[in-house]
Amino acid sequence: MSMKLNKTILATLVTVGMSASFAHAADQGHGKVTFTGSVIDAPCSITPESVDQTVGLGQISSAALKNGGKSQPRNFSIGLENCSFGSPESKK
């Protein structure tokens, strides 16, 4: 191959490589952010630590629950914050 052809091929490869890197760099400014939530009229907020909980109740037979039977109690808590109950006069 001639020296002139080698330079032409090299120049073409460099140009294509740079174009590809610019196209990739231009796409870095895009993304997706999704917000979920709701506006509520409540006197308190639930703390983030207690929003989603699973309380395991175990297993108990239906025969044990007949005639007012009970299962074992399980402890759990729901944390509240930023509570504003207002004055008793405003609730009349």
PDB file of N, CA and C in Angstrom:
ATOM      1  N   MET A   1       0.836  -1.178   0.000  1.00  0.00           N
ATOM      2  CA  MET A   1       0.000   0.000   0.000  1.00  0.00           C
ATOM      3  C   MET A   1       0.878   1.238   0.000  1.00  0.00           C
ATOM      4  N   SER A   2       0.355   2.234  -0.612  1.00  0.00           N
ATOM      5  CA  SER A   2       1.135   3.464  -0.677  1.00  0.00           C
ATOM      6  C   SER A   2       0.991   4.240   0.616  1.00  0.00           C
ATOM      7  N   MET A   3       1.925   5.094   0.859  1.00  0.00           N
ATOM      8  CA  MET A   3       1.943   5.918   2.051  1.00  0.00           C
ATOM      9  C   MET A   3       0.735   6.862   2.092  1.00  0.00           C
ATOM     10  N   LYS A   4       0.327   7.372   0.936  1.00  0.00           N
ATOM     11  CA  LYS A   4      -0.803   8.298   0.850  1.00  0.00           C
ATOM     12  C   LYS A   4      -2.100   7.569   1.222  1.00  0.00           C
ATOM     13  N   LEU A   5      -2.258   6.315   0.784  1.00  0.00           N
ATOM     14  CA  LEU A   5      -3.447   5.526   1.098  1.00  0.00           C
ATOM     15  C   LEU A   5      -3.493   5.209   2.600  1.00  0.00           C
ATOM     16  N   ASN A   6      -2.355   4.909   3.186  1.00  0.00           N
ATOM     17  CA  ASN A   6      -2.288   4.639   4.622  1.00  0.00           C
ATOM     18  C   ASN A   6      -2.704   5.857   5.434  1.00  0.00           C
ATOM     19  N   LYS A   7      -2.278   7.032   5.038  1.00  0.00           N
ATOM     20  CA  LYS A   7      -2.644   8.267   5.742  1.00  0.00           C
ATOM     21  C   LYS A   7      -4.135   8.547   5.599  1.00  0.00           C
ATOM     22  N   THR A   8      -4.681   8.278   4.422  1.00  0.00           N
ATOM     23  CA  THR A   8      -6.118   8.482   4.193  1.00  0.00           C
ATOM     24  C   THR A   8      -6.929   7.539   5.076  1.00  0.00           C
ATOM     25  N   ILE A   9      -6.529   6.281   5.133  1.00  0.00           N
ATOM     26  CA  ILE A   9      -7.239   5.305   5.975  1.00  0.00           C
ATOM     27  C   ILE A   9      -7.119   5.700   7.446  1.00  0.00           C
ATOM     28  N   LEU A  10      -5.944   6.098   7.878  1.00  0.00           N
ATOM     29  CA  LEU A  10      -5.729   6.520   9.259  1.00  0.00           C
ATOM     30  C   LEU A  10      -6.576   7.744   9.595  1.00  0.00           C
ATOM     31  N   ALA A  11      -6.632   8.712   8.711  1.00  0.00           N
ATOM     32  CA  ALA A  11      -7.437   9.912   8.936  1.00  0.00           C
ATOM     33  C   ALA A  11      -8.921   9.559   9.032  1.00  0.00           C
ATOM     34  N   THR A  12      -9.366   8.637   8.184  1.00  0.00           N
ATOM     35  CA  THR A  12     -10.777   8.209   8.209  1.00  0.00           C
ATOM     36  C   THR A  12     -11.096   7.502   9.525  1.00  0.00           C
ATOM     37  N   LEU A  13     -10.219   6.627   9.958  1.00  0.00           N
ATOM     38  CA  LEU A  13     -10.450   5.903  11.217  1.00  0.00           C
ATOM     39  C   LEU A  13     -10.473   6.850  12.414  1.00  0.00           C
ATOM     40  N   VAL A  14      -9.585   7.829  12.426  1.00  0.00           N
ATOM     41  CA  VAL A  14      -9.561   8.800  13.520  1.00  0.00           C
ATOM     42  C   VAL A  14     -10.841   9.620  13.526  1.00  0.00           C
ATOM     43  N   THR A  15     -11.307  10.044  12.364  1.00  0.00           N
ATOM     44  CA  THR A  15     -12.534  10.836  12.258  1.00  0.00           C
ATOM     45  C   THR A  15     -13.744  10.027  12.740  1.00  0.00           C
ATOM     46  N   VAL A  16     -13.840   8.777  12.306  1.00  0.00           N
ATOM     47  CA  VAL A  16     -14.956   7.917  12.725  1.00  0.00           C
ATOM     48  C   VAL A  16     -14.895   7.678  14.229  1.00  0.00           C
ATOM     49  N   GLY A  17     -13.703   7.428  14.750  1.00  0.00           N
ATOM     50  CA  GLY A  17     -13.542   7.209  16.188  1.00  0.00           C
ATOM     51  C   GLY A  17     -13.939   8.417  17.002  1.00  0.00           C
ATOM     52  N   MET A  18     -13.560   9.596  16.561  1.00  0.00           N
ATOM     53  CA  MET A  18     -13.916  10.819  17.279  1.00  0.00           C
ATOM     54  C   MET A  18     -15.415  11.072  17.206  1.00  0.00           C
ATOM     55  N   SER A  19     -16.027  10.810  16.069  1.00  0.00           N
ATOM     56  CA  SER A  19     -17.469  11.003  15.920  1.00  0.00           C
ATOM     57  C   SER A  19     -18.224  10.089  16.863  1.00  0.00           C
ATOM     58  N   ALA A  20     -17.777   8.851  16.975  1.00  0.00           N
ATOM     59  CA  ALA A  20     -18.436   7.905  17.874  1.00  0.00           C
ATOM     60  C   ALA A  20     -18.302   8.341  19.320  1.00  0.00           C
ATOM     61  N   SER A  21     -17.146   8.853  19.703  1.00  0.00           N
ATOM     62  CA  SER A  21     -16.966   9.286  21.093  1.00  0.00           C
ATOM     63  C   SER A  21     -17.798  10.529  21.386  1.00  0.00           C
ATOM     64  N   PHE A  22     -17.949  11.441  20.432  1.00  0.00           N
ATOM     65  CA  PHE A  22     -18.795  12.612  20.641  1.00  0.00           C
ATOM     66  C   PHE A  22     -20.258  12.206  20.762  1.00  0.00           C
ATOM     67  N   ALA A  23     -20.692  11.261  19.971  1.00  0.00           N
ATOM     68  CA  ALA A  23     -22.074  10.802  20.042  1.00  0.00           C
ATOM     69  C   ALA A  23     -22.331  10.158  21.394  1.00  0.00           C
ATOM     70  N   HIS A  24     -21.371   9.397  21.897  1.00  0.00           N
ATOM     71  CA  HIS A  24     -21.522   8.762  23.206  1.00  0.00           C
ATOM     72  C   HIS A  24     -21.521   9.809  24.316  1.00  0.00           C
ATOM     73  N   ALA A  25     -20.654  10.798  24.225  1.00  0.00           N
ATOM     74  CA  ALA A  25     -20.567  11.838  25.247  1.00  0.00           C
ATOM     75  C   ALA A  25     -21.822  12.698  25.264  1.00  0.00           C
ATOM     76  N   ALA A  26     -22.433  12.935  24.119  1.00  0.00           N
ATOM     77  CA  ALA A  26     -23.630  13.765  24.064  1.00  0.00           C
ATOM     78  C   ALA A  26     -24.797  13.102  24.784  1.00  0.00           C
ATOM     79  N   ASP A  27     -24.806  11.784  24.854  1.00  0.00           N
ATOM     80  CA  ASP A  27     -25.910  11.063  25.476  1.00  0.00           C
ATOM     81  C   ASP A  27     -25.787  11.011  26.992  1.00  0.00           C
ATOM     82  N   GLN A  28     -24.687  11.415  27.571  1.00  0.00           N
ATOM     83  CA  GLN A  28     -24.497  11.315  29.002  1.00  0.00           C
ATOM     84  C   GLN A  28     -25.352  12.297  29.790  1.00  0.00           C
ATOM     85  N   GLY A  29     -25.925  13.292  29.161  1.00  0.00           N
ATOM     86  CA  GLY A  29     -26.741  14.261  29.865  1.00  0.00           C
ATOM     87  C   GLY A  29     -28.193  13.855  30.011  1.00  0.00           C
ATOM     88  N   HIS A  30     -28.541  12.661  29.584  1.00  0.00           N
ATOM     89  CA  HIS A  30     -29.923  12.214  29.643  1.00  0.00           C
ATOM     90  C   HIS A  30     -30.098  11.180  30.741  1.00  0.00           C
ATOM     91  N   GLY A  31     -31.283  11.102  31.278  1.00  0.00           N
ATOM     92  CA  GLY A  31     -31.597  10.122  32.306  1.00  0.00           C
ATOM     93  C   GLY A  31     -33.074  10.165  32.607  1.00  0.00           C
ATOM     94  N   LYS A  32     -33.479   9.357  33.547  1.00  0.00           N
ATOM     95  CA  LYS A  32     -34.888   9.287  33.915  1.00  0.00           C
ATOM     96  C   LYS A  32     -34.995   9.303  35.432  1.00  0.00           C
ATOM     97  N   VAL A  33     -35.833  10.176  35.957  1.00  0.00           N
ATOM     98  CA  VAL A  33     -36.115  10.255  37.380  1.00  0.00           C
ATOM     99  C   VAL A  33     -37.618  10.103  37.542  1.00  0.00           C
ATOM    100  N   THR A  34     -38.034   9.202  38.407  1.00  0.00           N
ATOM    101  CA  THR A  34     -39.450   8.971  38.641  1.00  0.00           C
ATOM    102  C   THR A  34     -39.769   9.329  40.088  1.00  0.00           C
ATOM    103  N   PHE A  35     -40.761  10.182  40.291  1.00  0.00           N
ATOM    104  CA  PHE A  35     -41.205  10.557  41.620  1.00  0.00           C
ATOM    105  C   PHE A  35     -42.586   9.950  41.854  1.00  0.00           C
ATOM    106  N   THR A  36     -42.779   9.393  43.031  1.00  0.00           N
ATOM    107  CA  THR A  36     -44.096   8.890  43.397  1.00  0.00           C
ATOM    108  C   THR A  36     -44.464   9.478  44.751  1.00  0.00           C
ATOM    109  N   GLY A  37     -45.736   9.588  45.018  1.00  0.00           N
ATOM    110  CA  GLY A  37     -46.175  10.112  46.302  1.00  0.00           C
ATOM    111  C   GLY A  37     -47.599  10.614  46.198  1.00  0.00           C
ATOM    112  N   SER A  38     -48.073  11.165  47.285  1.00  0.00           N
ATOM    113  CA  SER A  38     -49.418  11.721  47.308  1.00  0.00           C
ATOM    114  C   SER A  38     -49.456  12.853  48.335  1.00  0.00           C
ATOM    115  N   VAL A  39     -50.392  13.745  48.153  1.00  0.00           N
ATOM    116  CA  VAL A  39     -50.603  14.845  49.085  1.00  0.00           C
ATOM    117  C   VAL A  39     -51.768  14.448  49.972  1.00  0.00           C
ATOM    118  N   ILE A  40     -51.527  14.441  51.284  1.00  0.00           N
ATOM    119  CA  ILE A  40     -52.573  14.028  52.219  1.00  0.00           C
ATOM    120  C   ILE A  40     -52.751  15.096  53.292  1.00  0.00           C
ATOM    121  N   ASP A  41     -53.894  15.090  53.908  1.00  0.00           N
ATOM    122  CA  ASP A  41     -54.168  16.001  55.006  1.00  0.00           C
ATOM    123  C   ASP A  41     -54.150  15.173  56.283  1.00  0.00           C
ATOM    124  N   ALA A  42     -52.971  14.995  56.854  1.00  0.00           N
ATOM    125  CA  ALA A  42     -52.811  14.179  58.055  1.00  0.00           C
ATOM    126  C   ALA A  42     -52.064  14.985  59.115  1.00  0.00           C
ATOM    127  N   PRO A  43     -52.359  14.738  60.394  1.00  0.00           N
ATOM    128  CA  PRO A  43     -51.694  15.498  61.448  1.00  0.00           C
ATOM    129  C   PRO A  43     -50.245  15.077  61.688  1.00  0.00           C
ATOM    130  N   CYS A  44     -49.826  13.914  61.170  1.00  0.00           N
ATOM    131  CA  CYS A  44     -48.465  13.416  61.395  1.00  0.00           C
ATOM    132  C   CYS A  44     -47.930  12.754  60.128  1.00  0.00           C
ATOM    133  N   SER A  45     -46.629  12.584  60.107  1.00  0.00           N
ATOM    134  CA  SER A  45     -45.976  11.790  59.067  1.00  0.00           C
ATOM    135  C   SER A  45     -45.452  10.516  59.716  1.00  0.00           C
ATOM    136  N   ILE A  46     -45.436   9.448  58.951  1.00  0.00           N
ATOM    137  CA  ILE A  46     -44.870   8.190  59.438  1.00  0.00           C
ATOM    138  C   ILE A  46     -43.373   8.237  59.162  1.00  0.00           C
ATOM    139  N   THR A  47     -42.572   7.857  60.140  1.00  0.00           N
ATOM    140  CA  THR A  47     -41.118   7.884  59.972  1.00  0.00           C
ATOM    141  C   THR A  47     -40.697   6.932  58.858  1.00  0.00           C
ATOM    142  N   PRO A  48     -39.653   7.283  58.124  1.00  0.00           N
ATOM    143  CA  PRO A  48     -39.206   6.419  57.022  1.00  0.00           C
ATOM    144  C   PRO A  48     -38.887   4.990  57.459  1.00  0.00           C
ATOM    145  N   GLU A  49     -38.404   4.818  58.685  1.00  0.00           N
ATOM    146  CA  GLU A  49     -38.049   3.487  59.165  1.00  0.00           C
ATOM    147  C   GLU A  49     -39.261   2.585  59.359  1.00  0.00           C
ATOM    148  N   SER A  50     -40.462   3.163  59.523  1.00  0.00           N
ATOM    149  CA  SER A  50     -41.627   2.320  59.802  1.00  0.00           C
ATOM    150  C   SER A  50     -42.706   2.394  58.725  1.00  0.00           C
ATOM    151  N   VAL A  51     -42.380   2.934  57.565  1.00  0.00           N
ATOM    152  CA  VAL A  51     -43.374   3.034  56.490  1.00  0.00           C
ATOM    153  C   VAL A  51     -43.762   1.654  55.973  1.00  0.00           C
ATOM    154  N   ASP A  52     -42.801   0.854  55.595  1.00  0.00           N
ATOM    155  CA  ASP A  52     -43.074  -0.474  55.049  1.00  0.00           C
ATOM    156  C   ASP A  52     -42.581  -1.520  56.030  1.00  0.00           C
ATOM    157  N   GLN A  53     -43.503  -2.288  56.586  1.00  0.00           N
ATOM    158  CA  GLN A  53     -43.147  -3.299  57.565  1.00  0.00           C
ATOM    159  C   GLN A  53     -43.826  -4.619  57.215  1.00  0.00           C
ATOM    160  N   THR A  54     -43.236  -5.686  57.674  1.00  0.00           N
ATOM    161  CA  THR A  54     -43.857  -7.005  57.601  1.00  0.00           C
ATOM    162  C   THR A  54     -43.870  -7.568  59.005  1.00  0.00           C
ATOM    163  N   VAL A  55     -45.047  -7.911  59.487  1.00  0.00           N
ATOM    164  CA  VAL A  55     -45.196  -8.489  60.816  1.00  0.00           C
ATOM    165  C   VAL A  55     -45.506  -9.967  60.634  1.00  0.00           C
ATOM    166  N   GLY A  56     -44.566 -10.820  61.027  1.00  0.00           N
ATOM    167  CA  GLY A  56     -44.762 -12.260  60.900  1.00  0.00           C
ATOM    168  C   GLY A  56     -45.705 -12.773  61.978  1.00  0.00           C
ATOM    169  N   LEU A  57     -46.768 -13.427  61.558  1.00  0.00           N
ATOM    170  CA  LEU A  57     -47.746 -13.951  62.510  1.00  0.00           C
ATOM    171  C   LEU A  57     -47.584 -15.448  62.759  1.00  0.00           C
ATOM    172  N   GLY A  58     -46.686 -16.079  62.022  1.00  0.00           N
ATOM    173  CA  GLY A  58     -46.480 -17.507  62.220  1.00  0.00           C
ATOM    174  C   GLY A  58     -47.666 -18.321  61.708  1.00  0.00           C
ATOM    175  N   GLN A  59     -47.731 -19.562  62.163  1.00  0.00           N
ATOM    176  CA  GLN A  59     -48.828 -20.448  61.758  1.00  0.00           C
ATOM    177  C   GLN A  59     -49.661 -20.822  62.965  1.00  0.00           C
ATOM    178  N   ILE A  60     -50.965 -20.925  62.747  1.00  0.00           N
ATOM    179  CA  ILE A  60     -51.887 -21.392  63.773  1.00  0.00           C
ATOM    180  C   ILE A  60     -53.023 -22.109  63.059  1.00  0.00           C
ATOM    181  N   SER A  61     -53.475 -23.174  63.635  1.00  0.00           N
ATOM    182  CA  SER A  61     -54.537 -23.950  62.985  1.00  0.00           C
ATOM    183  C   SER A  61     -55.875 -23.240  63.138  1.00  0.00           C
ATOM    184  N   SER A  62     -56.755 -23.502  62.216  1.00  0.00           N
ATOM    185  CA  SER A  62     -58.091 -22.895  62.295  1.00  0.00           C
ATOM    186  C   SER A  62     -58.848 -23.449  63.501  1.00  0.00           C
ATOM    187  N   ALA A  63     -58.570 -24.668  63.918  1.00  0.00           N
ATOM    188  CA  ALA A  63     -59.223 -25.253  65.097  1.00  0.00           C
ATOM    189  C   ALA A  63     -58.863 -24.475  66.363  1.00  0.00           C
ATOM    190  N   ALA A  64     -57.620 -23.979  66.419  1.00  0.00           N
ATOM    191  CA  ALA A  64     -57.192 -23.210  67.593  1.00  0.00           C
ATOM    192  C   ALA A  64     -57.887 -21.853  67.660  1.00  0.00           C
ATOM    193  N   LEU A  65     -58.367 -21.354  66.534  1.00  0.00           N
ATOM    194  CA  LEU A  65     -59.032 -20.050  66.515  1.00  0.00           C
ATOM    195  C   LEU A  65     -60.542 -20.144  66.695  1.00  0.00           C
ATOM    196  N   LYS A  66     -61.082 -21.355  66.639  1.00  0.00           N
ATOM    197  CA  LYS A  66     -62.535 -21.517  66.820  1.00  0.00           C
ATOM    198  C   LYS A  66     -62.939 -21.131  68.237  1.00  0.00           C
ATOM    199  N   ASN A  67     -64.149 -20.682  68.379  1.00  0.00           N
ATOM    200  CA  ASN A  67     -64.741 -20.336  69.671  1.00  0.00           C
ATOM    201  C   ASN A  67     -63.923 -19.298  70.431  1.00  0.00           C
ATOM    202  N   GLY A  68     -63.466 -18.281  69.716  1.00  0.00           N
ATOM    203  CA  GLY A  68     -62.783 -17.168  70.383  1.00  0.00           C
ATOM    204  C   GLY A  68     -61.321 -17.416  70.674  1.00  0.00           C
ATOM    205  N   GLY A  69     -60.720 -18.404  70.057  1.00  0.00           N
ATOM    206  CA  GLY A  69     -59.303 -18.674  70.277  1.00  0.00           C
ATOM    207  C   GLY A  69     -58.434 -17.527  69.765  1.00  0.00           C
ATOM    208  N   LYS A  70     -57.223 -17.470  70.239  1.00  0.00           N
ATOM    209  CA  LYS A  70     -56.319 -16.378  69.873  1.00  0.00           C
ATOM    210  C   LYS A  70     -54.957 -16.945  69.495  1.00  0.00           C
ATOM    211  N   SER A  71     -54.246 -16.180  68.694  1.00  0.00           N
ATOM    212  CA  SER A  71     -52.853 -16.521  68.387  1.00  0.00           C
ATOM    213  C   SER A  71     -51.949 -15.754  69.344  1.00  0.00           C
ATOM    214  N   GLN A  72     -50.666 -16.013  69.260  1.00  0.00           N
ATOM    215  CA  GLN A  72     -49.700 -15.291  70.097  1.00  0.00           C
ATOM    216  C   GLN A  72     -49.578 -13.852  69.604  1.00  0.00           C
ATOM    217  N   PRO A  73     -49.540 -12.889  70.511  1.00  0.00           N
ATOM    218  CA  PRO A  73     -49.372 -11.486  70.086  1.00  0.00           C
ATOM    219  C   PRO A  73     -47.971 -11.248  69.517  1.00  0.00           C
ATOM    220  N   ARG A  74     -47.870 -10.307  68.606  1.00  0.00           N
ATOM    221  CA  ARG A  74     -46.596  -9.909  68.007  1.00  0.00           C
ATOM    222  C   ARG A  74     -46.435  -8.407  68.204  1.00  0.00           C
ATOM    223  N   ASN A  75     -45.266  -8.005  68.609  1.00  0.00           N
ATOM    224  CA  ASN A  75     -44.996  -6.581  68.813  1.00  0.00           C
ATOM    225  C   ASN A  75     -44.555  -5.928  67.504  1.00  0.00           C
ATOM    226  N   PHE A  76     -45.019  -4.721  67.279  1.00  0.00           N
ATOM    227  CA  PHE A  76     -44.557  -3.878  66.185  1.00  0.00           C
ATOM    228  C   PHE A  76     -44.854  -2.437  66.562  1.00  0.00           C
ATOM    229  N   SER A  77     -44.203  -1.528  65.895  1.00  0.00           N
ATOM    230  CA  SER A  77     -44.450  -0.120  66.195  1.00  0.00           C
ATOM    231  C   SER A  77     -44.485   0.681  64.897  1.00  0.00           C
ATOM    232  N   ILE A  78     -45.208   1.781  64.961  1.00  0.00           N
ATOM    233  CA  ILE A  78     -45.292   2.725  63.856  1.00  0.00           C
ATOM    234  C   ILE A  78     -44.826   4.067  64.410  1.00  0.00           C
ATOM    235  N   GLY A  79     -43.722   4.568  63.860  1.00  0.00           N
ATOM    236  CA  GLY A  79     -43.170   5.835  64.330  1.00  0.00           C
ATOM    237  C   GLY A  79     -43.853   7.024  63.661  1.00  0.00           C
ATOM    238  N   LEU A  80     -44.163   8.032  64.446  1.00  0.00           N
ATOM    239  CA  LEU A  80     -44.778   9.252  63.928  1.00  0.00           C
ATOM    240  C   LEU A  80     -43.837  10.428  64.167  1.00  0.00           C
ATOM    241  N   GLU A  81     -43.870  11.401  63.256  1.00  0.00           N
ATOM    242  CA  GLU A  81     -43.041  12.597  63.392  1.00  0.00           C
ATOM    243  C   GLU A  81     -43.771  13.797  62.808  1.00  0.00           C
ATOM    244  N   ASN A  82     -43.299  14.974  63.166  1.00  0.00           N
ATOM    245  CA  ASN A  82     -43.852  16.245  62.664  1.00  0.00           C
ATOM    246  C   ASN A  82     -45.357  16.337  62.892  1.00  0.00           C
ATOM    247  N   CYS A  83     -45.788  15.942  64.076  1.00  0.00           N
ATOM    248  CA  CYS A  83     -47.225  15.958  64.372  1.00  0.00           C
ATOM    249  C   CYS A  83     -47.697  17.359  64.734  1.00  0.00           C
ATOM    250  N   SER A  84     -48.868  17.705  64.236  1.00  0.00           N
ATOM    251  CA  SER A  84     -49.486  18.993  64.523  1.00  0.00           C
ATOM    252  C   SER A  84     -50.972  18.753  64.721  1.00  0.00           C
ATOM    253  N   PHE A  85     -51.386  18.720  65.977  1.00  0.00           N
ATOM    254  CA  PHE A  85     -52.781  18.411  66.274  1.00  0.00           C
ATOM    255  C   PHE A  85     -53.640  19.663  66.408  1.00  0.00           C
ATOM    256  N   GLY A  86     -53.045  20.815  66.515  1.00  0.00           N
ATOM    257  CA  GLY A  86     -53.813  22.050  66.655  1.00  0.00           C
ATOM    258  C   GLY A  86     -54.369  22.193  68.054  1.00  0.00           C
ATOM    259  N   SER A  87     -55.092  23.253  68.262  1.00  0.00           N
ATOM    260  CA  SER A  87     -55.681  23.498  69.577  1.00  0.00           C
ATOM    261  C   SER A  87     -57.057  22.851  69.655  1.00  0.00           C
ATOM    262  N   PRO A  88     -57.510  22.512  70.872  1.00  0.00           N
ATOM    263  CA  PRO A  88     -58.839  21.901  71.011  1.00  0.00           C
ATOM    264  C   PRO A  88     -59.959  22.810  70.494  1.00  0.00           C
ATOM    265  N   GLU A  89     -59.778  24.121  70.556  1.00  0.00           N
ATOM    266  CA  GLU A  89     -60.813  25.039  70.088  1.00  0.00           C
ATOM    267  C   GLU A  89     -61.024  24.924  68.576  1.00  0.00           C
ATOM    268  N   SER A  90     -59.953  24.628  67.839  1.00  0.00           N
ATOM    269  CA  SER A  90     -60.078  24.565  66.380  1.00  0.00           C
ATOM    270  C   SER A  90     -60.756  23.288  65.907  1.00  0.00           C
ATOM    271  N   LYS A  91     -60.975  22.330  66.816  1.00  0.00           N
ATOM    272  CA  LYS A  91     -61.592  21.060  66.432  1.00  0.00           C
ATOM    273  C   LYS A  91     -63.092  21.048  66.688  1.00  0.00           C
ATOM    274  N   LYS A  92     -63.634  22.130  67.195  1.00  0.00           N
ATOM    275  CA  LYS A  92     -65.073  22.176  67.482  1.00  0.00           C
ATOM    276  C   LYS A  92     -65.876  22.407  66.242  1.00  0.00           C
TER     277      LYS A  92
END
